[in-house]
Amino acid sequence: MKHRTIIEPFRIKSVEPIGLSTEEERAAHLMERITTRSCSDHAMSSST
């Protein structure tokens, strides 16, 4: 049985570099998101 592809062939027209972050940058961003979220959750619960 011959395999048939469902996806049409395509061409890559441009290539962009993917930025890689360091472990420290990821940890700092995660902590920032956690603090921001907990502050906004607290503000929303205290306003009602």
C-alpha atoms as a PDB file:
ATOM      1  CA  MET A   1       0.000   0.000   0.000  1.00  0.00           C
ATOM      2  CA  LYS A   2       1.433   3.338  -1.052  1.00  0.00           C
ATOM      3  CA  HIS A   3       1.482   6.217   1.472  1.00  0.00           C
ATOM      4  CA  ARG A   4      -0.273   9.379   0.403  1.00  0.00           C
ATOM      5  CA  THR A   5       0.233  12.724   2.062  1.00  0.00           C
ATOM      6  CA  ILE A   6      -2.755  14.861   2.912  1.00  0.00           C
ATOM      7  CA  ILE A   7      -0.738  18.055   3.366  1.00  0.00           C
ATOM      8  CA  GLU A   8       0.090  20.018   0.252  1.00  0.00           C
ATOM      9  CA  PRO A   9       3.766  20.636  -0.451  1.00  0.00           C
ATOM     10  CA  PHE A  10       4.967  24.109   0.491  1.00  0.00           C
ATOM     11  CA  ARG A  11       8.065  26.228   0.217  1.00  0.00           C
ATOM     12  CA  ILE A  12       9.752  28.093   3.033  1.00  0.00           C
ATOM     13  CA  LYS A  13       9.911  31.700   1.884  1.00  0.00           C
ATOM     14  CA  SER A  14      11.790  33.184   4.828  1.00  0.00           C
ATOM     15  CA  VAL A  15      13.718  32.011   7.821  1.00  0.00           C
ATOM     16  CA  GLU A  16      13.784  33.903  11.104  1.00  0.00           C
ATOM     17  CA  PRO A  17      16.046  33.142  14.050  1.00  0.00           C
ATOM     18  CA  ILE A  18      14.410  31.729  17.148  1.00  0.00           C
ATOM     19  CA  GLY A  19      15.512  33.549  20.276  1.00  0.00           C
ATOM     20  CA  LEU A  20      16.598  31.245  23.080  1.00  0.00           C
ATOM     21  CA  SER A  21      16.471  32.442  26.650  1.00  0.00           C
ATOM     22  CA  THR A  22      18.695  31.315  29.482  1.00  0.00           C
ATOM     23  CA  GLU A  23      17.408  29.366  32.461  1.00  0.00           C
ATOM     24  CA  GLU A  24      17.782  32.478  34.643  1.00  0.00           C
ATOM     25  CA  GLU A  25      15.713  34.582  32.219  1.00  0.00           C
ATOM     26  CA  ARG A  26      12.957  31.950  32.157  1.00  0.00           C
ATOM     27  CA  ALA A  27      12.906  31.720  35.960  1.00  0.00           C
ATOM     28  CA  ALA A  28      12.768  35.515  36.330  1.00  0.00           C
ATOM     29  CA  HIS A  29       9.907  35.770  33.821  1.00  0.00           C
ATOM     30  CA  LEU A  30       8.003  32.978  35.557  1.00  0.00           C
ATOM     31  CA  MET A  31       8.388  34.633  38.965  1.00  0.00           C
ATOM     32  CA  GLU A  32       7.237  37.958  37.476  1.00  0.00           C
ATOM     33  CA  ARG A  33       4.116  36.302  36.050  1.00  0.00           C
ATOM     34  CA  ILE A  34       3.348  34.524  39.314  1.00  0.00           C
ATOM     35  CA  THR A  35       3.674  37.755  41.327  1.00  0.00           C
ATOM     36  CA  THR A  36       1.616  39.748  38.841  1.00  0.00           C
ATOM     37  CA  ARG A  37      -1.116  37.124  38.775  1.00  0.00           C
ATOM     38  CA  SER A  38      -1.313  36.794  42.571  1.00  0.00           C
ATOM     39  CA  CYS A  39      -1.508  40.594  42.939  1.00  0.00           C
ATOM     40  CA  SER A  40      -4.288  40.906  40.362  1.00  0.00           C
ATOM     41  CA  ASP A  41      -6.196  37.971  41.899  1.00  0.00           C
ATOM     42  CA  HIS A  42      -5.985  39.625  45.313  1.00  0.00           C
ATOM     43  CA  ALA A  43      -7.117  43.002  43.929  1.00  0.00           C
ATOM     44  CA  MET A  44     -10.112  41.424  42.205  1.00  0.00           C
ATOM     45  CA  SER A  45     -11.216  39.483  45.282  1.00  0.00           C
ATOM     46  CA  SER A  46     -10.942  42.479  47.610  1.00  0.00           C
ATOM     47  CA  SER A  47     -12.927  44.784  45.293  1.00  0.00           C
ATOM     48  CA  THR A  48     -16.130  42.710  45.541  1.00  0.00           C
END
